[in-house]
Amino acid sequence: MPEMSQYDFVVIGSGPGGYVAAIRAGQLGLKTALIEKDDKFGGTCLHWGCIPTKALLFDAEVYDYFKNAREFGIDCEQFTLDWDAVQARKNKIVTKLAKGVEFLLKKNRVETIAGYGRLAGNGRVSVTDAKGKSREVQARSIVLATGSEAKMLPGLGADGRTILTNKEVLGLKKIPKSMAIIGAGAVGVEFASIFSRLGTDVTLIEMLPRIVPLEDEEVSAELEKAFRKQGIVIHTGAKVQQASSGEMASLTFAGRDGKTIALEAETLLVAVGRAPNTADVGLDKTRIEAERGFIKVDPFMRTAEPGVYAIGDIVASSPLLAHVGHAEGIVAATHAAGKSAEPVNYQQVPNCTYCEPEVSSVGLTERQAREAGFKVKIGKFPFSANSKADILGVRVGFVKIVSDETYGEILGVHMIGPRVTEMIAEAVLALRLEATAEDLAHTIHPHPTLTEAVLEAAHAAYDLPIHI
């Protein structure tokens, strides 16, 4: 029997959390291996999530500028959209970044093992390759980073043509004439934004009372207003009763008033959340505690099984975001290396939704702050009064700062408008440093920039805005 391979650190899964954990472990001098079942590194985020969707969103933005070129003094009457070229560009970006991950793994001396990894107990991992051949590796520390997959409605299956998840929708051979989307969270509204701007008739169906329901209520209302203006049909407070596929996707749902609405669309995108990939990773061989498939961990990402960590989408109560997986991977690797590790502060995680207009936020919403007992002071500034937004031709949205009236500490920042997914980092830093709205108001921002809206919102928290 061949000798079992020995490592300091083994990671199962090469998504955002997994490959970052492996790289950091390599940087810290640990003998590291990364196990991946697919033939490429990067996981859902790189191949079927964050990266390809943002590539399509950018193409939709460029197309929008062409459609509205006259506003900018440019005559663009003759232009067409080449969907094959759009898809090729998206795939080129994904391929380039995947090769970049592979290069970084090699650079940091991470050994890669092809196959499906399962915990085997006592610090062992069983790896089964594509041919069904199995081997075991041993490690002092093991990280589960197996990610998540799209949930599907009961009795319905994705067929890649009519019924779609975030994965199949990225491979469409043509732009559909119509699309119904179930779920108005980040995934649902991003694809609604892509295809609506490319000419698809989009209907957005959300069970909860408002779209992007995790965001501040004023942000949800502003996005709904913008979407309706763009021609997106929205049904909130809607409960799906039946869905089926044939030549067309058929759907019935109860509307807000309880009346049944029937709908047919060329495509149906199901965007009702994610499920953790933990059903077949060997949890039964360990003391790991799970809740609905999500794994319980301590602040250093340790599970109840000695030497086993869990990070990313499979972690209980952790936001299913790539940048959270990154941070958790660094915590796990640093702790496993015996170094001082700072746990992730989940109250300071930025949320970004890349629809048009963009949405971003960090910290408490106004409602959450009031329910937590804070005496709340709001500072708000509209992009319609921002010079750079006017130059860009984008006049919707606002920056909203939720602060504690007593001491001025910033409790949350909520943005909707142009490029706000880039702007939110300033607010994250402000929360991390326990800054006050006054601190932001005294921070000189360059002019003309979109970030001046943050400055003005800070002034507005003290009822002293300059430009409104």
Foldseek 3Di string as FASTA:
>chain_A
DDDAAEWAEEEEAQALLRLLLQLLLLVLPTAYEYEYADPFGHPCCLQQHVQLLVLLQVVLVVLLCLVVVVVVVDDNPDDDDDVVVSLVVSVVVSVVVRVVSVVSCVVSNYHYDHAHWADQAPQKIWGAHPVRDIGIHGHLAYEYEQAWDADDDPPDDDDLFAEAESRSVSVDPDQFQEEEEEAQAQSRQSVLQSNLSVRHAYEYEELAQFHNVVAFPVQRVLVVVVSVVSRYHYFYNKAWDDWDDDCWIWTWIQGNVRDIDIDTTRHYYYHPDIAGPQPGRHCVSFPWDADSQATEADQLQHGPGRNYGYAAPSHPPADRDSVRSSLSSSSNSCVSSVHDHDGDDRQLDKDWRVGVFIKIKGFDHQVRCVVVPAPKFKFKDFQLLAPVCVVVVKGGKIKMWIARPVPQFTGMIIITTHPVVVVCVVVSVSNVVRHGLVVLLPDDDDPRDPNVRSNQSSCVSVPHRDRD
